[in-house]
């Protein structure tokens, strides 16, 4: 279709809501997710994708569909994969996607491992792959330490040329519509937000007539935030260029307005007809209307621009800062791996105001200098927009701040997390813990925590790469006759036989007694250097 780069535009939508195992709760929304998203992606005026759908398939059917989807591709093809199902983890912490015949106790053979999907994408020649995950992880097995409630989607699926958007990376429930108790099927909150952003064009933030991957993610995040959903979408992208998912007329409203409309809520006392549910067909575009902040500004200036609107309900959510924490580890822990309990001070969403920053029942108003955008004219040194100096980028003015957080929407807390440190990390290695940083202003997504390894010096062993080195001194008599010496290893002292007529400088190699290889199996070696020379009493303290 015109307006898009060359190459095929193909989408595969996989939805599983019916399960044969009683251990997996039926999900009502996947079929509706699949149908609603297929409609907007297939529409030549919006997505222009060739769409394939697989609903309630067995594990072998899902694997076959995935393998066929990613094979024989051209470099310029744009591939979009949507998965709506249960997500589960095995005893080793590896993620799998549940199919109709999945047995939670046998995920490797009855589910679709994320490693399988990763391999198919890695072999694919297409340089752009977009993955949309709307999975329920509430029943996922959580390995390792207490409190580890994250599903490491990024580690399992991310890679060059890919964008991963997920409803949540925590084991919170991925909400199915507005009311879990209702029997009426409807799209999930996350997929519903994606459908609404594409169908209405409201995800086109810069109003250039195109919806990019980043714009769709930002729209879905704000949409869910304003509807009160207890989930925070995540996105990881490593793309070669700006990827356009859809074509649309210029957006006319904010995600907050669309969220209120989709929930059947008015912005003022007078209400227009409720907006159709996400994914429903629309008879032509509605007449242009000014955005919520624009209507407020006109009202303040005495200009009639439409029905009166209530003040915006929340500040502009922004991503939290990343944080680097340096932690000391003895050699045995960096060499063989460990579980480490770490206490840190961070910020969490204020429970009193839920990140809004305002006292309960009090209004917030758009910032006048920036007209409610949160941005000033100009560009920051990093290349992004400059935050408004009046509101510090929050886009709102809060007359009555929350007493608990002082209007910040965040409070400082100390918490403990348990980190799995893989064997083979070295001094200076940084371990990224996605989403473990402090939450952003306005309830924005948390930043990442980077754990920097500080390896402590061992009293005897010296590390060089994955090998360990130690020196032992022999008397001339020991070197001439041969002897047995004790050498330190990571597992404790070990007896080593020294052959007769040993010359100074000889190195003995103990295979597999070094540090673990960080990438790949096996371990390095322990090298024992022997030096000869009498000590003060003629005996060696390490041998006989």
Protein backbone atom coordinates (compact mmCIF):
# COMPACT_ATOMS: atom_id res chain seq x y z
CA UNK A 1 0.00 0.00 0.00
CA UNK A 2 1.19 3.50 -0.65
CA UNK A 3 2.79 5.43 2.19
CA UNK A 4 4.71 2.41 3.54
CA UNK A 5 8.23 1.09 2.79
CA UNK A 6 8.62 -1.68 0.26
CA UNK A 7 8.44 -5.30 1.35
CA UNK A 8 5.64 -7.52 2.60
CA UNK A 9 3.55 -6.58 5.63
CA UNK A 10 2.44 -9.79 7.31
CA UNK A 11 0.82 -10.37 10.70
CA UNK A 12 0.25 -13.58 12.63
CA UNK A 13 -2.27 -13.41 15.49
CA UNK A 14 -2.25 -16.37 17.90
CA UNK A 15 -4.97 -16.50 20.57
CA UNK A 16 -5.56 -19.24 23.11
CA UNK A 17 -8.42 -18.88 25.57
CA UNK A 18 -9.59 -22.49 25.91
CA UNK A 19 -7.39 -25.01 27.73
CA UNK A 20 -7.77 -28.74 28.26
CA UNK A 21 -5.88 -28.62 31.57
CA UNK A 22 -7.94 -27.55 34.61
CA UNK A 23 -4.76 -25.91 35.99
CA UNK A 24 -5.03 -23.18 33.35
CA UNK A 25 -7.97 -20.85 33.79
CA UNK A 26 -10.00 -20.15 30.62
CA UNK A 27 -9.47 -16.67 29.18
CA UNK A 28 -12.38 -14.90 27.56
CA UNK A 29 -10.61 -12.14 25.70
CA UNK A 30 -8.06 -13.84 23.35
CA UNK A 31 -10.57 -14.58 20.58
CA UNK A 32 -11.88 -11.00 20.72
CA UNK A 33 -8.29 -9.70 20.81
CA UNK A 34 -7.55 -11.65 17.66
CA UNK A 35 -10.66 -10.57 15.75
CA UNK A 36 -10.51 -6.90 16.76
CA UNK A 37 -6.80 -6.50 16.03
CA UNK A 38 -7.10 -8.39 12.74
CA UNK A 39 -9.77 -5.95 11.57
CA UNK A 40 -7.61 -2.84 12.00
CA UNK A 41 -4.40 -4.45 10.78
CA UNK A 42 -6.11 -5.85 7.67
CA UNK A 43 -7.84 -2.57 6.84
CA UNK A 44 -6.00 -1.13 3.78
CA UNK A 45 -6.66 2.40 5.07
CA UNK A 46 -4.96 1.64 8.41
CA UNK A 47 -2.52 -1.26 8.65
CA UNK A 48 -2.51 -2.88 5.22
CA UNK A 49 -1.23 -6.17 6.65
CA UNK A 50 -1.91 -9.65 5.30
CA UNK A 51 -3.27 -11.26 8.45
CA UNK A 52 -3.26 -14.91 9.54
CA UNK A 53 -5.12 -16.08 12.65
CA UNK A 54 -4.79 -19.19 14.82
CA UNK A 55 -7.32 -19.55 17.65
CA UNK A 56 -7.13 -22.23 20.36
CA UNK A 57 -4.49 -24.26 18.56
CA UNK A 58 -2.54 -27.19 19.99
CA UNK A 59 1.14 -26.67 20.77
CA UNK A 60 2.32 -28.40 17.59
CA UNK A 61 -0.03 -26.23 15.51
CA UNK A 62 1.29 -23.04 17.12
CA UNK A 63 4.92 -24.08 16.59
CA UNK A 64 4.26 -24.96 12.97
CA UNK A 65 2.49 -21.63 12.37
CA UNK A 66 5.41 -19.73 13.91
CA UNK A 67 8.03 -21.60 11.88
CA UNK A 68 6.11 -21.05 8.64
CA UNK A 69 5.56 -17.39 9.44
CA UNK A 70 9.25 -16.55 9.87
CA UNK A 71 10.76 -18.67 7.07
CA UNK A 72 11.55 -17.56 3.49
CA UNK A 73 11.40 -13.87 4.31
CA UNK A 74 12.89 -10.88 2.54
CA UNK A 75 15.07 -8.33 4.29
CA UNK A 76 12.54 -5.51 3.85
CA UNK A 77 9.53 -7.45 5.15
CA UNK A 78 7.72 -6.11 8.21
CA UNK A 79 6.44 -8.95 10.43
CA UNK A 80 4.01 -8.48 13.32
CA UNK A 81 3.25 -11.26 15.81
CA UNK A 82 0.50 -11.00 18.46
CA UNK A 83 0.22 -13.59 21.25
CA UNK A 84 -2.75 -13.64 23.62
CA UNK A 85 -2.63 -16.56 26.07
CA UNK A 86 -1.31 -17.77 29.41
CA UNK A 87 2.42 -17.42 30.05
CA UNK A 88 4.14 -19.99 32.28
CA UNK A 89 7.66 -20.59 33.61
CA UNK A 90 9.43 -23.87 34.22
CA UNK A 91 11.65 -24.89 37.13
CA UNK A 92 14.64 -23.19 35.49
CA UNK A 93 12.76 -19.92 35.08
CA UNK A 94 12.34 -20.20 31.30
CA UNK A 95 9.22 -18.65 29.78
CA UNK A 96 6.73 -20.61 27.65
CA UNK A 97 3.42 -19.72 26.01
CA UNK A 98 0.49 -22.01 26.76
CA UNK A 99 -1.47 -23.72 23.99
CA UNK A 100 -4.78 -25.59 24.13
CA UNK A 101 -3.12 -28.89 25.10
CA UNK A 102 -0.50 -27.47 27.49
CA UNK A 103 0.30 -29.35 30.69
CA UNK A 104 1.92 -26.99 33.21
CA UNK A 105 4.10 -29.82 34.49
CA UNK A 106 5.41 -30.56 30.96
CA UNK A 107 5.97 -27.13 29.37
CA UNK A 108 8.88 -28.18 27.16
CA UNK A 109 6.79 -30.70 25.23
CA UNK A 110 3.26 -29.31 25.52
CA UNK A 111 3.77 -25.51 25.43
CA UNK A 112 5.64 -23.17 23.10
CA UNK A 113 8.96 -22.20 24.73
CA UNK A 114 10.06 -18.61 24.30
CA UNK A 115 13.41 -20.05 23.24
CA UNK A 116 11.68 -21.67 20.25
CA UNK A 117 10.18 -18.32 19.23
CA UNK A 118 13.54 -16.62 19.77
CA UNK A 119 15.26 -19.14 17.49
CA UNK A 120 12.71 -18.65 14.71
CA UNK A 121 13.14 -14.88 14.85
CA UNK A 122 16.94 -15.19 14.95
CA UNK A 123 16.90 -17.27 11.75
CA UNK A 124 14.48 -14.93 9.98
CA UNK A 125 15.96 -12.64 7.29
CA UNK A 126 13.43 -9.85 7.88
CA UNK A 127 15.15 -6.94 9.58
CA UNK A 128 12.00 -5.72 11.35
CA UNK A 129 9.88 -7.88 13.67
CA UNK A 130 7.27 -6.49 16.05
CA UNK A 131 5.99 -8.76 18.84
CA UNK A 132 2.87 -7.86 20.86
CA UNK A 133 2.44 -9.96 24.01
CA UNK A 134 -0.86 -9.84 25.87
CA UNK A 135 -0.24 -12.74 28.21
CA UNK A 136 -1.58 -13.56 31.66
CA UNK A 137 1.35 -14.47 33.92
CA UNK A 138 -0.73 -14.78 37.09
CA UNK A 139 -0.14 -18.53 37.18
CA UNK A 140 3.52 -18.44 36.19
CA UNK A 141 6.00 -20.38 38.29
CA UNK A 142 8.55 -18.04 39.82
CA UNK A 143 12.04 -19.52 40.34
CA UNK A 144 14.80 -18.32 42.58
CA UNK A 145 14.34 -16.06 45.54
CA UNK A 146 11.31 -14.70 47.30
CA UNK A 147 9.70 -11.66 45.78
CA UNK A 148 10.89 -12.40 42.24
CA UNK A 149 7.64 -11.52 40.47
CA UNK A 150 9.04 -10.54 37.10
CA UNK A 151 8.78 -12.39 33.83
CA UNK A 152 11.99 -11.63 31.93
CA UNK A 153 10.46 -11.10 28.50
CA UNK A 154 13.36 -8.94 27.37
CA UNK A 155 15.98 -11.57 28.16
CA UNK A 156 13.93 -14.29 26.48
CA UNK A 157 12.88 -12.58 23.23
CA UNK A 158 14.68 -9.29 22.56
CA UNK A 159 17.24 -8.95 19.77
CA UNK A 160 18.45 -6.76 16.94
CA UNK A 161 15.73 -5.72 14.53
CA UNK A 162 12.95 -6.46 17.01
CA UNK A 163 10.44 -4.46 19.03
CA UNK A 164 8.75 -6.22 21.94
CA UNK A 165 5.60 -4.70 23.47
CA UNK A 166 4.07 -6.54 26.41
CA UNK A 167 0.99 -5.84 28.52
CA UNK A 168 3.06 -6.39 31.65
CA UNK A 169 6.27 -8.12 32.69
CA UNK A 170 5.01 -8.81 36.18
CA UNK A 171 2.80 -11.62 37.39
CA UNK A 172 -0.08 -9.24 37.94
CA UNK A 173 -3.22 -10.23 36.08
CA UNK A 174 -3.43 -8.91 32.53
CA UNK A 175 -6.97 -7.55 32.84
CA UNK A 176 -9.63 -9.00 30.58
CA UNK A 177 -11.85 -6.02 29.85
CA UNK A 178 -13.43 -3.82 32.49
CA UNK A 179 -15.04 -6.47 34.68
CA UNK A 180 -13.64 -9.92 35.28
CA UNK A 181 -16.96 -11.13 36.64
CA UNK A 182 -18.95 -10.32 33.51
CA UNK A 183 -19.52 -13.15 31.05
CA UNK A 184 -19.62 -10.91 27.98
CA UNK A 185 -16.42 -11.42 25.94
CA UNK A 186 -14.47 -8.27 25.17
CA UNK A 187 -10.89 -7.40 24.22
CA UNK A 188 -8.34 -7.18 27.00
CA UNK A 189 -7.30 -3.77 28.25
CA UNK A 190 -3.90 -3.84 26.54
CA UNK A 191 -5.01 -5.14 23.15
CA UNK A 192 -8.10 -2.94 23.40
CA UNK A 193 -5.83 0.09 23.78
CA UNK A 194 -3.79 -0.99 20.74
CA UNK A 195 -6.96 -1.44 18.68
CA UNK A 196 -8.37 1.92 19.76
CA UNK A 197 -5.12 3.77 19.05
CA UNK A 198 -4.90 2.29 15.55
CA UNK A 199 -8.61 2.50 14.69
CA UNK A 200 -9.15 6.07 15.88
CA UNK A 201 -5.74 7.39 14.85
CA UNK A 202 -5.24 8.85 18.33
CA UNK A 203 -1.89 7.06 18.63
CA UNK A 204 -0.47 9.39 15.98
CA UNK A 205 1.20 11.64 18.55
CA UNK A 206 3.04 13.93 16.14
CA UNK A 207 0.06 14.05 13.74
CA UNK A 208 2.12 13.18 10.69
CA UNK A 209 -0.40 10.65 9.44
CA UNK A 210 1.66 7.62 10.56
CA UNK A 211 1.63 5.55 13.73
CA UNK A 212 5.04 4.21 14.70
CA UNK A 213 5.82 1.38 17.12
CA UNK A 214 6.94 3.86 19.77
CA UNK A 215 3.84 6.03 19.37
CA UNK A 216 1.56 3.00 19.73
CA UNK A 217 3.35 1.90 22.91
CA UNK A 218 3.18 5.38 24.46
CA UNK A 219 -0.51 5.61 23.60
CA UNK A 220 -1.26 2.21 25.16
CA UNK A 221 0.68 3.10 28.30
CA UNK A 222 -1.20 6.35 28.85
CA UNK A 223 -4.52 4.76 27.88
CA UNK A 224 -4.17 2.06 30.55
CA UNK A 225 -2.92 4.56 33.09
CA UNK A 226 -5.95 6.78 32.65
CA UNK A 227 -8.40 3.88 32.80
CA UNK A 228 -6.94 2.81 36.14
CA UNK A 229 -5.67 -0.58 34.99
CA UNK A 230 -3.16 -2.02 37.45
CA UNK A 231 -0.60 -2.86 34.81
CA UNK A 232 2.23 -1.00 33.16
CA UNK A 233 3.08 -2.02 29.59
CA UNK A 234 6.74 -2.48 28.71
CA UNK A 235 8.63 -1.99 25.46
CA UNK A 236 12.11 -2.98 24.30
CA UNK A 237 13.26 -2.07 20.80
CA UNK A 238 16.46 -2.44 18.78
CA UNK A 239 15.42 -1.26 15.32
CA UNK A 240 17.36 0.02 12.33
CA UNK A 241 14.80 2.65 11.38
CA UNK A 242 11.51 4.28 12.42
CA UNK A 243 8.92 1.56 11.92
CA UNK A 244 5.44 2.61 10.76
CA UNK A 245 2.66 0.23 11.77
CA UNK A 246 -0.34 2.13 10.45
CA UNK A 247 -1.49 5.04 8.35
CA UNK A 248 -4.17 7.38 9.64
CA UNK A 249 -5.69 10.83 9.58
CA UNK A 250 -4.15 13.23 12.10
CA UNK A 251 -5.00 12.37 15.69
CA UNK A 252 -7.47 14.67 17.37
CA UNK A 253 -7.55 13.69 21.03
CA UNK A 254 -5.30 12.60 23.88
CA UNK A 255 -5.04 9.07 25.28
CA UNK A 256 -6.77 10.34 28.42
CA UNK A 257 -9.80 11.47 26.39
CA UNK A 258 -9.94 8.20 24.47
CA UNK A 259 -9.68 6.22 27.71
CA UNK A 260 -12.52 8.19 29.29
CA UNK A 261 -14.63 7.76 26.17
CA UNK A 262 -13.97 4.02 25.94
CA UNK A 263 -15.01 3.68 29.58
CA UNK A 264 -18.28 5.52 28.85
CA UNK A 265 -17.22 8.47 31.01
CA UNK A 266 -17.76 12.10 30.09
CA UNK A 267 -15.26 14.87 30.46
CA UNK A 268 -17.92 17.27 31.72
CA UNK A 269 -21.45 17.36 33.03
CA UNK A 270 -22.95 16.97 29.57
CA UNK A 271 -22.08 13.67 27.91
CA UNK A 272 -21.84 12.77 24.27
CA UNK A 273 -22.82 9.28 23.11
CA UNK A 274 -20.51 6.65 24.62
CA UNK A 275 -17.62 5.63 22.42
CA UNK A 276 -17.86 2.18 20.84
CA UNK A 277 -15.84 -0.59 22.47
CA UNK A 278 -12.29 -1.10 21.18
CA UNK A 279 -12.28 -2.82 17.82
CA UNK A 280 -15.91 -1.96 16.91
CA UNK A 281 -16.47 -0.60 13.36
CA UNK A 282 -17.04 3.12 13.00
CA UNK A 283 -19.23 4.76 10.38
CA UNK A 284 -16.81 7.37 9.13
CA UNK A 285 -14.60 9.70 11.20
CA UNK A 286 -16.22 12.00 13.79
CA UNK A 287 -16.04 15.75 13.29
CA UNK A 288 -12.82 17.33 14.56
CA UNK A 289 -12.91 18.40 18.20
CA UNK A 290 -10.22 20.15 20.21
CA UNK A 291 -8.27 18.12 22.75
CA UNK A 292 -9.05 18.16 26.44
CA UNK A 293 -6.30 20.61 27.39
CA UNK A 294 -7.19 22.77 24.41
CA UNK A 295 -10.82 23.01 25.47
CA UNK A 296 -9.77 23.92 28.99
CA UNK A 297 -7.49 26.66 27.77
CA UNK A 298 -10.24 28.07 25.53
CA UNK A 299 -12.63 28.00 28.46
CA UNK A 300 -10.17 29.96 30.61
CA UNK A 301 -9.90 32.52 27.83
CA UNK A 302 -13.68 32.84 27.45
CA UNK A 303 -13.81 31.01 24.11
CA UNK A 304 -16.69 28.60 23.46
CA UNK A 305 -15.14 25.52 21.91
CA UNK A 306 -17.49 22.72 22.86
CA UNK A 307 -19.02 21.19 25.97
CA UNK A 308 -17.36 22.09 29.28
CA UNK A 309 -14.69 19.67 30.44
CA UNK A 310 -13.44 18.68 33.85
CA UNK A 311 -9.76 19.21 34.63
CA UNK A 312 -7.41 16.43 33.48
CA UNK A 313 -7.29 13.53 35.88
CA UNK A 314 -3.58 12.89 35.99
CA UNK A 315 -0.17 14.28 35.28
CA UNK A 316 1.93 13.22 32.34
CA UNK A 317 3.57 9.86 33.15
CA UNK A 318 7.30 9.66 32.47
CA UNK A 319 9.81 6.86 32.74
CA UNK A 320 11.80 6.59 35.94
CA UNK A 321 15.57 7.00 36.08
CA UNK A 322 18.00 4.14 35.71
CA UNK A 323 20.19 3.41 38.70
CA UNK A 324 23.66 1.85 38.99
CA UNK A 325 24.47 0.00 42.21
CA UNK A 326 27.99 -1.28 42.89
CA UNK A 327 28.00 -4.50 44.94
CA UNK A 328 31.02 -6.42 46.26
CA UNK A 329 31.30 -10.16 45.64
CA UNK A 330 34.02 -12.61 46.77
CA UNK A 331 35.74 -14.56 44.02
CA UNK A 332 33.84 -17.78 44.71
CA UNK A 333 30.50 -16.00 44.03
CA UNK A 334 31.57 -14.36 40.78
CA UNK A 335 33.20 -17.58 39.62
CA UNK A 336 30.37 -20.00 40.39
CA UNK A 337 27.32 -17.73 40.62
CA UNK A 338 25.10 -16.95 43.58
CA UNK A 339 21.80 -15.55 44.80
CA UNK A 340 22.36 -12.17 46.44
CA UNK A 341 19.97 -10.28 48.72
CA UNK A 342 20.33 -6.55 48.10
CA UNK A 343 18.78 -3.68 50.02
CA UNK A 344 18.24 -0.48 48.10
CA UNK A 345 16.40 2.79 48.40
CA UNK A 346 14.07 3.56 45.53
CA UNK A 347 10.78 5.29 44.70
CA UNK A 348 7.38 3.67 44.38
CA UNK A 349 3.98 5.00 43.40
CA UNK A 350 2.26 6.81 46.25
CA UNK A 351 -0.53 4.58 47.55
CA UNK A 352 -2.59 7.55 48.71
CA UNK A 353 -2.88 9.42 45.40
CA UNK A 354 -1.90 6.51 43.08
CA UNK A 355 0.73 8.67 41.41
CA UNK A 356 -1.56 11.59 40.61
CA UNK A 357 0.09 13.94 43.12
CA UNK A 358 -3.18 15.62 44.11
CA UNK A 359 -5.16 15.24 47.32
CA UNK A 360 -8.22 13.03 47.03
CA UNK A 361 -11.18 14.75 45.40
CA UNK A 362 -9.21 17.85 44.35
CA UNK A 363 -8.72 18.94 40.74
CA UNK A 364 -5.58 19.43 38.74
CA UNK A 365 -5.23 21.99 35.97
CA UNK A 366 -3.22 22.11 32.77
CA UNK A 367 0.01 24.05 32.96
CA UNK A 368 -0.53 27.41 31.25
CA UNK A 369 3.02 28.07 29.96
CA UNK A 370 3.17 24.75 28.06
CA UNK A 371 -0.59 24.45 27.40
CA UNK A 372 -0.65 21.06 29.11
CA UNK A 373 2.02 19.42 26.96
CA UNK A 374 4.77 19.29 29.59
CA UNK A 375 7.31 20.38 26.97
CA UNK A 376 9.08 23.64 26.25
CA UNK A 377 10.30 24.93 22.92
CA UNK A 378 13.75 23.60 22.07
CA UNK A 379 15.73 20.39 22.28
CA UNK A 380 17.62 18.90 25.20
CA UNK A 381 21.32 17.99 24.91
CA UNK A 382 20.25 14.35 24.57
CA UNK A 383 18.13 15.21 21.54
CA UNK A 384 14.71 14.91 23.21
CA UNK A 385 12.18 17.61 24.05
CA UNK A 386 12.89 20.08 26.82
CA UNK A 387 10.65 19.74 29.89
CA UNK A 388 8.55 22.77 30.76
CA UNK A 389 10.27 24.67 33.56
CA UNK A 390 6.95 25.73 35.12
CA UNK A 391 5.57 22.22 35.65
CA UNK A 392 8.84 20.28 35.40
CA UNK A 393 7.38 18.24 32.56
CA UNK A 394 4.28 17.11 34.48
CA UNK A 395 1.91 19.02 32.15
CA UNK A 396 -0.35 19.98 35.06
CA UNK A 397 -0.64 22.39 37.99
CA UNK A 398 -1.69 20.87 41.32
CA UNK A 399 -3.26 23.39 43.75
CA UNK A 400 -3.82 20.82 46.53
CA UNK A 401 -0.92 18.33 46.58
CA UNK A 402 -1.17 14.97 48.28
CA UNK A 403 0.09 15.19 51.87
CA UNK A 404 1.73 11.76 51.71
CA UNK A 405 4.04 12.48 48.77
CA UNK A 406 3.95 16.29 48.68
CA UNK A 407 2.61 16.25 45.13
CA UNK A 408 5.45 14.15 43.71
CA UNK A 409 3.24 11.11 43.13
CA UNK A 410 6.11 8.98 44.46
CA UNK A 411 7.46 8.12 47.89
CA UNK A 412 10.90 6.88 48.89
CA UNK A 413 11.06 3.34 50.24
CA UNK A 414 13.67 0.77 51.13
CA UNK A 415 13.16 -2.67 49.74
CA UNK A 416 15.06 -5.90 49.35
CA UNK A 417 15.45 -7.84 46.14
CA UNK A 418 17.20 -11.11 45.43
CA UNK A 419 19.41 -11.14 42.35
CA UNK A 420 20.61 -14.25 40.56
CA UNK A 421 24.25 -13.61 39.63
CA UNK A 422 25.41 -15.97 36.88
CA UNK A 423 28.68 -17.80 37.25
CA UNK A 424 31.55 -16.28 35.29
CA UNK A 425 30.82 -12.58 35.79
CA UNK A 426 33.95 -10.49 36.10
CA UNK A 427 34.96 -7.30 37.85
CA UNK A 428 33.08 -4.41 36.25
CA UNK A 429 30.31 -6.57 34.74
CA UNK A 430 26.92 -4.86 34.83
CA UNK A 431 23.79 -6.94 35.30
CA UNK A 432 20.64 -5.25 34.03
CA UNK A 433 17.45 -5.75 36.05
CA UNK A 434 14.70 -4.43 33.80
CA UNK A 435 11.99 -2.48 35.59
CA UNK A 436 13.69 -2.65 39.01
CA UNK A 437 14.60 1.05 39.10
CA UNK A 438 12.46 3.79 40.58
CA UNK A 439 9.02 4.50 39.14
CA UNK A 440 8.68 7.58 36.99
CA UNK A 441 6.83 10.81 37.77
CA UNK A 442 3.08 10.53 37.35
CA UNK A 443 3.16 6.76 37.82
CA UNK A 444 5.35 6.30 34.75
CA UNK A 445 7.15 3.03 34.03
CA UNK A 446 10.12 2.25 36.27
CA UNK A 447 13.67 2.61 35.08
CA UNK A 448 16.19 -0.20 35.11
CA UNK A 449 18.56 -1.17 37.89
CA UNK A 450 22.14 -1.97 36.88
CA UNK A 451 24.14 -4.08 39.29
CA UNK A 452 27.87 -3.46 38.83
CA UNK A 453 30.07 -6.30 40.04
CA UNK A 454 33.01 -5.44 42.29
CA UNK A 455 35.11 -8.60 42.60
CA UNK A 456 37.10 -8.79 45.83
CA UNK A 457 40.72 -9.93 45.77
CA UNK A 458 41.27 -13.53 46.87
CA UNK A 459 44.11 -14.07 49.38
CA UNK A 460 45.78 -16.71 47.20
CA UNK A 461 44.02 -17.20 43.86
CA UNK A 462 44.54 -14.74 41.02
CA UNK A 463 41.95 -14.58 38.25
CA UNK A 464 42.92 -14.09 34.60
CA UNK A 465 39.88 -14.45 32.40
CA UNK A 466 38.20 -17.73 33.29
CA UNK A 467 41.43 -19.32 34.58
CA UNK A 468 42.72 -19.11 38.14
CA UNK A 469 46.42 -18.96 39.05
CA UNK A 470 48.30 -19.83 42.22
CA UNK A 471 52.01 -20.14 43.02
CA UNK A 472 53.54 -22.76 45.31
CA UNK A 473 57.20 -22.82 46.47
CA UNK A 474 59.02 -26.15 46.93
CA UNK A 475 62.26 -26.98 48.69
CA UNK A 476 65.00 -28.40 46.49
CA UNK A 477 64.55 -31.74 48.21
CA UNK A 478 60.82 -31.78 47.42
CA UNK A 479 61.45 -30.83 43.81
CA UNK A 480 64.12 -33.58 43.47
CA UNK A 481 62.20 -36.42 45.13
CA UNK A 482 58.62 -35.35 44.25
CA UNK A 483 55.91 -34.69 46.82
CA UNK A 484 52.22 -33.98 47.45
CA UNK A 485 51.16 -30.37 48.05
CA UNK A 486 47.89 -28.69 49.04
CA UNK A 487 46.50 -26.06 46.69
CA UNK A 488 43.41 -23.88 47.23
CA UNK A 489 40.45 -24.32 44.88
CA UNK A 490 36.98 -22.81 44.80
CA UNK A 491 35.66 -26.02 46.34
CA UNK A 492 38.30 -26.14 49.08
CA UNK A 493 41.90 -27.43 49.44
CA UNK A 494 42.99 -30.14 47.02
CA UNK A 495 45.99 -32.48 47.12
CA UNK A 496 48.20 -32.37 44.04
CA UNK A 497 51.06 -34.76 43.26
CA UNK A 498 54.32 -33.10 42.17
CA UNK A 499 56.53 -35.37 40.02
CA UNK A 500 60.18 -35.97 40.83
CA UNK A 501 62.90 -33.84 39.23
CA UNK A 502 60.56 -30.85 38.95
CA UNK A 503 62.23 -27.71 37.65
CA UNK A 504 61.39 -24.23 38.87
CA UNK A 505 58.75 -22.57 36.72
CA UNK A 506 56.81 -25.76 35.92
CA UNK A 507 53.04 -25.16 35.70
CA UNK A 508 50.52 -27.85 36.59
CA UNK A 509 47.04 -27.54 35.06
CA UNK A 510 43.95 -28.68 36.96
CA UNK A 511 41.29 -28.79 34.25
CA UNK A 512 37.81 -27.55 35.15
CA UNK A 513 38.81 -25.90 38.43
CA UNK A 514 38.59 -22.30 37.21
CA UNK A 515 35.57 -20.01 36.95
CA UNK A 516 32.45 -20.89 34.98
CA UNK A 517 32.23 -19.65 31.41
CA UNK A 518 29.69 -16.85 31.33
CA UNK A 519 28.62 -17.76 27.80
CA UNK A 520 28.57 -21.47 27.20
CA UNK A 521 29.07 -24.46 29.44
CA UNK A 522 32.13 -25.65 31.28
CA UNK A 523 34.76 -23.96 33.41
CA UNK A 524 38.25 -22.60 33.07
CA UNK A 525 41.32 -24.21 34.61
CA UNK A 526 43.43 -23.78 37.75
CA UNK A 527 47.13 -23.30 36.93
CA UNK A 528 49.63 -24.04 39.70
CA UNK A 529 53.09 -22.54 39.16
CA UNK A 530 55.89 -24.31 41.02
CA UNK A 531 59.01 -22.47 42.14
CA UNK A 532 61.94 -24.05 43.90
CA UNK A 533 64.16 -22.62 46.64
CA UNK A 534 64.82 -23.40 50.34
CA UNK A 535 62.89 -21.44 52.96
CA UNK A 536 64.21 -20.61 56.43
CA UNK A 537 63.57 -24.03 58.00
CA UNK A 538 64.06 -26.11 54.90
CA UNK A 539 60.44 -27.22 54.73
CA UNK A 540 57.49 -26.15 52.67
CA UNK A 541 54.32 -25.27 54.58
CA UNK A 542 52.19 -26.63 51.72
CA UNK A 543 53.69 -30.05 51.10
CA UNK A 544 55.47 -33.07 52.54
